[in-house]
Amino acid sequence: MNESIHRARVIKALTKDRHIRLSTLDASPLWDGVRRGHPHLDPESCACLTELLAATALLQGRTVFEERLQLLVKGSGKAKAVVADSWPDGTIRGVLDLGDPQARDWIAAPGLLQVMRSNATGQPYIGHLELVEGGIQTQVEHYLQNSEQVQASLSLWCDPGTGEAGGLLVEPLPDCPPPRLARLVQAIEGLEVVPFWERSAEFLASWVSQGEGTDELAAMDLDYRCRCTREALLETLRGFSEAQKADLFQADAPLEVRCDYCGTLYPITKADLLAGEV
């Protein structure tokens, strides 16, 4: 989990006619990272998490990766909670908690979508929206429309059998002519007939631009990698009150803390905390 071998790439582009902005992502490397990092999850669970990772990366690309973006979905479906966390340096991670195994869908209302944006210069922005009927892409489209007043189409896919995964975020600009918008809608609806393996960045750019081509605006490589460290964990624990610390270390046995994102187990002793205190 600490080696950058699960690299995906987001490409943000503008069609030559300057009417449509789009971002594409080959998320298959993220699927591989999820499978390796969460061996207790079955392929369908990994597909759900991979789709949220893809949605987060594409949404983060709207600000050219200048901020950290975290999406949290809490629902009543097969997934109780799904989290994706993407950082400006290109690291991305996620975790999924299983919910009702008898549910029909992975994401289901009632529940909420939480969007947290933060950068180095300001306080985090946290927004909440009640879940609507539909999967992850529907929740993100609903968020963009209601919280950012952006009309956008998000397409996500992940084959739990092969791991072929990706995403496409399309935003018609305000001056997009109605005939061009109609052709865009037709192209997006027609994407369902295109096999996953064929949906490369080049193909998607051509599909959306209808062969006219695009100009690349930005690109970002993403590594599926956890950011947890023993030092960061100790710093967090040292911020606890003395009563909380005493409660954690009632017995002199080491406290075992497991990272939710990657499963790494950190044994922490009371002496470890005292060693860093002044």
Protein backbone atom coordinates (compact mmCIF):
# COMPACT_ATOMS: atom_id res chain seq x y z
CA MET A 1 0.00 0.00 0.00
CA ASN A 2 2.97 2.38 0.36
CA GLU A 3 4.30 2.03 -3.18
CA SER A 4 2.91 4.17 -5.97
CA ILE A 5 1.97 1.36 -8.31
CA HIS A 6 -1.76 2.02 -8.63
CA ARG A 7 -1.60 5.13 -10.84
CA ALA A 8 -4.57 6.54 -12.70
CA ARG A 9 -4.76 9.70 -14.81
CA VAL A 10 -7.37 12.45 -14.99
CA ILE A 11 -7.39 14.58 -18.14
CA LYS A 12 -9.37 17.81 -18.27
CA ALA A 13 -10.09 19.20 -21.74
CA LEU A 14 -12.15 21.70 -23.73
CA THR A 15 -13.75 20.91 -27.05
CA LYS A 16 -12.40 22.81 -30.06
CA ASP A 17 -15.69 24.68 -30.44
CA ARG A 18 -15.26 25.96 -26.85
CA HIS A 19 -18.75 24.84 -25.85
CA ILE A 20 -18.06 21.76 -23.69
CA ARG A 21 -15.63 21.04 -20.86
CA LEU A 22 -14.92 17.41 -20.03
CA SER A 23 -12.78 15.32 -17.72
CA THR A 24 -11.91 11.67 -18.30
CA LEU A 25 -10.42 9.03 -16.03
CA ASP A 26 -9.16 5.50 -16.54
CA ALA A 27 -9.90 4.16 -13.07
CA SER A 28 -8.74 0.58 -13.61
CA PRO A 29 -5.53 1.20 -11.60
CA LEU A 30 -7.68 2.45 -8.72
CA TRP A 31 -9.67 -0.79 -8.85
CA ASP A 32 -6.42 -2.70 -8.52
CA GLY A 33 -5.43 -0.60 -5.53
CA VAL A 34 -8.79 -1.16 -3.87
CA ARG A 35 -8.62 -4.93 -4.36
CA ARG A 36 -5.12 -5.10 -2.89
CA GLY A 37 -5.84 -2.69 -0.06
CA HIS A 38 -9.18 -4.19 1.00
CA PRO A 39 -8.91 -7.97 0.55
CA HIS A 40 -11.97 -8.52 2.77
CA LEU A 41 -14.24 -6.84 0.22
CA ASP A 42 -15.84 -8.81 -2.60
CA PRO A 43 -15.58 -7.57 -6.22
CA GLU A 44 -18.98 -5.83 -6.17
CA SER A 45 -18.03 -3.89 -3.03
CA CYS A 46 -14.74 -2.90 -4.64
CA ALA A 47 -16.61 -1.71 -7.72
CA CYS A 48 -18.79 0.57 -5.58
CA LEU A 49 -15.74 2.05 -3.85
CA THR A 50 -13.90 2.46 -7.15
CA GLU A 51 -16.81 4.41 -8.60
CA LEU A 52 -16.78 6.82 -5.65
CA LEU A 53 -13.00 7.25 -6.03
CA ALA A 54 -13.51 8.04 -9.72
CA ALA A 55 -16.27 10.55 -8.95
CA THR A 56 -14.07 12.25 -6.34
CA ALA A 57 -11.11 12.52 -8.70
CA LEU A 58 -13.23 13.97 -11.50
CA LEU A 59 -14.91 16.44 -9.15
CA GLN A 60 -11.54 17.49 -7.74
CA GLY A 61 -10.35 18.15 -11.29
CA ARG A 62 -12.87 20.98 -11.58
CA THR A 63 -10.52 23.07 -9.40
CA VAL A 64 -7.38 21.74 -11.14
CA PHE A 65 -6.47 19.70 -8.03
CA GLU A 66 -5.74 22.76 -5.90
CA GLU A 67 -7.69 21.41 -2.93
CA ARG A 68 -8.31 18.27 -0.97
CA LEU A 69 -11.70 16.73 -1.69
CA GLN A 70 -13.47 14.08 0.34
CA LEU A 71 -16.81 12.49 -0.52
CA LEU A 72 -18.75 10.53 2.08
CA VAL A 73 -21.92 8.64 1.26
CA LYS A 74 -24.02 7.26 4.12
CA GLY A 75 -27.02 5.28 3.00
CA SER A 76 -29.40 2.41 3.54
CA GLY A 77 -28.22 0.10 0.78
CA LYS A 78 -25.63 -2.64 0.61
CA ALA A 79 -23.05 0.02 1.46
CA LYS A 80 -23.58 1.59 4.88
CA ALA A 81 -20.86 4.17 4.28
CA VAL A 82 -18.38 4.84 1.48
CA VAL A 83 -15.55 7.38 1.71
CA ALA A 84 -13.15 8.64 -0.95
CA ASP A 85 -10.36 11.08 -0.07
CA SER A 86 -8.26 12.79 -2.76
CA TRP A 87 -5.36 15.19 -2.12
CA PRO A 88 -3.67 17.88 -4.24
CA ASP A 89 -0.45 15.85 -4.42
CA GLY A 90 -2.23 13.09 -6.34
CA THR A 91 -2.76 10.57 -3.55
CA ILE A 92 -6.23 9.06 -3.25
CA ARG A 93 -7.66 6.51 -0.85
CA GLY A 94 -11.01 5.11 0.20
CA VAL A 95 -12.92 2.79 2.48
CA LEU A 96 -16.31 1.05 2.41
CA ASP A 97 -18.41 -0.24 5.31
CA LEU A 98 -20.93 -2.91 4.41
CA GLY A 99 -24.59 -2.32 5.21
CA ASP A 100 -27.74 -4.32 4.47
CA PRO A 101 -26.80 -7.40 2.39
CA GLN A 102 -30.46 -7.84 1.41
CA ALA A 103 -30.73 -4.37 -0.13
CA ARG A 104 -31.27 -4.14 -3.87
CA ASP A 105 -28.80 -1.31 -4.51
CA TRP A 106 -25.40 -0.38 -3.16
CA ILE A 107 -26.40 3.25 -2.63
CA ALA A 108 -29.95 3.86 -1.37
CA ALA A 109 -31.93 6.54 0.45
CA PRO A 110 -32.49 7.56 3.13
CA GLY A 111 -29.01 8.86 3.72
CA LEU A 112 -26.72 11.76 2.93
CA LEU A 113 -23.86 12.86 0.73
CA GLN A 114 -21.17 14.89 2.48
CA VAL A 115 -18.69 16.92 0.43
CA MET A 116 -15.62 18.33 2.18
CA ARG A 117 -13.32 20.73 0.33
CA SER A 118 -10.20 22.18 1.93
CA ASN A 119 -6.97 23.87 0.91
CA ALA A 120 -3.87 25.14 2.66
CA THR A 121 -5.15 28.72 3.02
CA GLY A 122 -8.70 28.36 4.31
CA GLN A 123 -11.10 26.49 6.54
CA PRO A 124 -12.72 23.36 5.11
CA TYR A 125 -16.07 23.73 3.41
CA ILE A 126 -18.46 20.93 4.31
CA GLY A 127 -21.76 20.52 2.51
CA HIS A 128 -24.54 17.99 3.05
CA LEU A 129 -27.31 16.80 0.79
CA GLU A 130 -29.97 14.18 1.37
CA LEU A 131 -29.58 11.19 -0.93
CA VAL A 132 -31.90 10.97 -3.91
CA GLU A 133 -32.93 7.89 -5.84
CA GLY A 134 -29.97 6.59 -7.84
CA GLY A 135 -26.33 5.57 -7.65
CA ILE A 136 -23.15 7.53 -7.03
CA GLN A 137 -23.21 9.40 -10.33
CA THR A 138 -26.77 10.59 -9.64
CA GLN A 139 -25.79 11.83 -6.16
CA VAL A 140 -22.84 13.82 -7.55
CA GLU A 141 -24.91 15.32 -10.36
CA HIS A 142 -27.52 16.31 -7.76
CA TYR A 143 -24.80 17.94 -5.65
CA LEU A 144 -23.39 19.92 -8.59
CA GLN A 145 -26.82 21.16 -9.60
CA ASN A 146 -28.03 22.13 -6.14
CA SER A 147 -24.86 23.22 -4.34
CA GLU A 148 -22.74 24.64 -7.15
CA GLN A 149 -25.47 25.51 -9.67
CA VAL A 150 -23.66 23.52 -12.36
CA GLN A 151 -25.45 21.44 -14.96
CA ALA A 152 -23.21 18.44 -15.57
CA SER A 153 -23.38 14.81 -16.59
CA LEU A 154 -21.31 12.19 -14.78
CA SER A 155 -20.83 8.69 -16.16
CA LEU A 156 -19.15 6.04 -13.99
CA TRP A 157 -18.42 2.41 -14.72
CA CYS A 158 -16.64 -0.50 -13.08
CA ASP A 159 -16.86 -4.14 -14.12
CA PRO A 160 -16.48 -6.25 -10.95
CA GLY A 161 -15.31 -9.17 -13.07
CA THR A 162 -12.48 -7.50 -14.96
CA GLY A 163 -11.77 -4.33 -13.00
CA GLU A 164 -12.22 -2.16 -16.11
CA ALA A 165 -13.30 1.15 -14.63
CA GLY A 166 -13.48 4.80 -15.49
CA GLY A 167 -15.45 7.98 -15.52
CA LEU A 168 -16.50 10.91 -17.67
CA LEU A 169 -17.61 14.31 -16.38
CA VAL A 170 -19.14 16.60 -19.01
CA GLU A 171 -20.13 20.24 -18.49
CA PRO A 172 -21.74 22.25 -21.29
CA LEU A 173 -20.68 25.90 -20.95
CA PRO A 174 -23.33 28.63 -20.61
CA ASP A 175 -23.06 29.70 -24.26
CA CYS A 176 -23.45 26.17 -25.64
CA PRO A 177 -26.04 26.42 -28.48
CA PRO A 178 -29.19 24.29 -28.05
CA PRO A 179 -28.44 22.14 -31.16
CA ARG A 180 -24.95 21.37 -29.84
CA LEU A 181 -26.38 20.57 -26.41
CA ALA A 182 -28.90 18.20 -27.99
CA ARG A 183 -26.11 16.35 -29.81
CA LEU A 184 -24.14 16.15 -26.55
CA VAL A 185 -27.09 14.59 -24.73
CA GLN A 186 -27.45 12.07 -27.54
CA ALA A 187 -23.74 11.20 -27.36
CA ILE A 188 -23.85 10.68 -23.59
CA GLU A 189 -26.92 8.48 -23.83
CA GLY A 190 -25.26 6.47 -26.60
CA LEU A 191 -22.16 5.80 -24.51
CA GLU A 192 -23.88 2.80 -22.91
CA VAL A 193 -23.34 0.76 -26.09
CA VAL A 194 -19.56 1.30 -25.97
CA PRO A 195 -17.64 -1.52 -24.19
CA PHE A 196 -15.73 -0.46 -21.08
CA TRP A 197 -12.39 -1.51 -22.55
CA GLU A 198 -12.89 0.88 -25.47
CA ARG A 199 -13.51 3.96 -23.34
CA SER A 200 -10.00 5.40 -23.42
CA ALA A 201 -9.36 9.11 -22.85
CA GLU A 202 -8.79 9.58 -26.57
CA PHE A 203 -12.02 7.79 -27.47
CA LEU A 204 -14.10 9.71 -24.94
CA ALA A 205 -12.69 13.06 -26.09
CA SER A 206 -13.55 12.20 -29.67
CA TRP A 207 -16.98 10.89 -28.66
CA VAL A 208 -17.91 14.07 -26.79
CA SER A 209 -16.40 16.44 -29.36
CA GLN A 210 -17.97 14.38 -32.16
CA GLY A 211 -14.65 14.09 -33.93
CA GLU A 212 -13.75 17.78 -33.81
CA GLY A 213 -11.06 17.27 -31.18
CA THR A 214 -10.22 18.83 -27.81
CA ASP A 215 -7.54 20.98 -26.19
CA GLU A 216 -6.07 19.61 -22.98
CA LEU A 217 -6.41 22.02 -20.05
CA ALA A 218 -4.81 20.01 -17.25
CA ALA A 219 -3.83 16.49 -16.26
CA MET A 220 -3.14 14.77 -12.96
CA ASP A 221 -1.68 11.39 -12.06
CA LEU A 222 -3.34 9.69 -9.10
CA ASP A 223 -1.78 7.10 -6.82
CA TYR A 224 -4.00 4.82 -4.75
CA ARG A 225 -2.05 5.08 -1.53
CA CYS A 226 -2.86 5.59 2.14
CA ARG A 227 -1.40 8.62 3.92
CA CYS A 228 -1.36 7.19 7.43
CA THR A 229 1.87 7.28 9.47
CA ARG A 230 2.75 6.33 13.00
CA GLU A 231 3.91 9.90 13.67
CA ALA A 232 0.60 11.41 12.55
CA LEU A 233 -1.34 8.97 14.73
CA LEU A 234 0.79 9.82 17.77
CA GLU A 235 0.30 13.54 17.16
CA THR A 236 -3.47 13.02 17.13
CA LEU A 237 -3.44 10.98 20.34
CA ARG A 238 -1.26 13.59 22.08
CA GLY A 239 -4.03 16.10 21.49
CA PHE A 240 -6.44 14.07 23.62
CA SER A 241 -7.25 15.23 27.15
CA GLU A 242 -5.45 13.63 30.07
CA ALA A 243 -8.69 11.87 31.05
CA GLN A 244 -9.05 10.40 27.55
CA LYS A 245 -5.45 9.21 27.56
CA ALA A 246 -5.91 7.60 30.98
CA ASP A 247 -9.03 5.84 29.71
CA LEU A 248 -7.19 4.51 26.66
CA PHE A 249 -4.32 3.14 28.72
CA GLN A 250 -6.14 1.77 31.78
CA ALA A 251 -4.10 -1.39 31.43
CA ASP A 252 -0.42 -1.09 30.63
CA ALA A 253 -0.85 -3.18 27.48
CA PRO A 254 -0.21 -1.39 24.17
CA LEU A 255 -3.14 0.24 22.42
CA GLU A 256 -3.68 -1.20 18.95
CA VAL A 257 -4.98 1.29 16.39
CA ARG A 258 -5.92 0.12 12.90
CA CYS A 259 -6.12 2.49 9.93
CA ASP A 260 -9.57 2.26 8.33
CA TYR A 261 -8.17 3.09 4.90
CA CYS A 262 -5.38 0.53 4.57
CA GLY A 263 -5.67 -1.81 7.55
CA THR A 264 -2.20 -1.08 8.94
CA LEU A 265 -2.06 -1.90 12.66
CA TYR A 266 -0.10 0.47 14.92
CA PRO A 267 0.73 -0.71 18.48
CA ILE A 268 0.96 2.40 20.68
CA THR A 269 2.19 2.44 24.28
CA LYS A 270 1.78 5.13 26.93
CA ALA A 271 5.54 5.66 26.72
CA ASP A 272 5.21 6.45 23.02
CA LEU A 273 2.88 9.33 23.84
CA LEU A 274 5.07 10.68 26.64
CA ALA A 275 8.16 10.56 24.44
CA GLY A 276 6.84 13.36 22.26
CA GLU A 277 5.40 15.59 24.98
CA VAL A 278 7.22 18.58 26.39
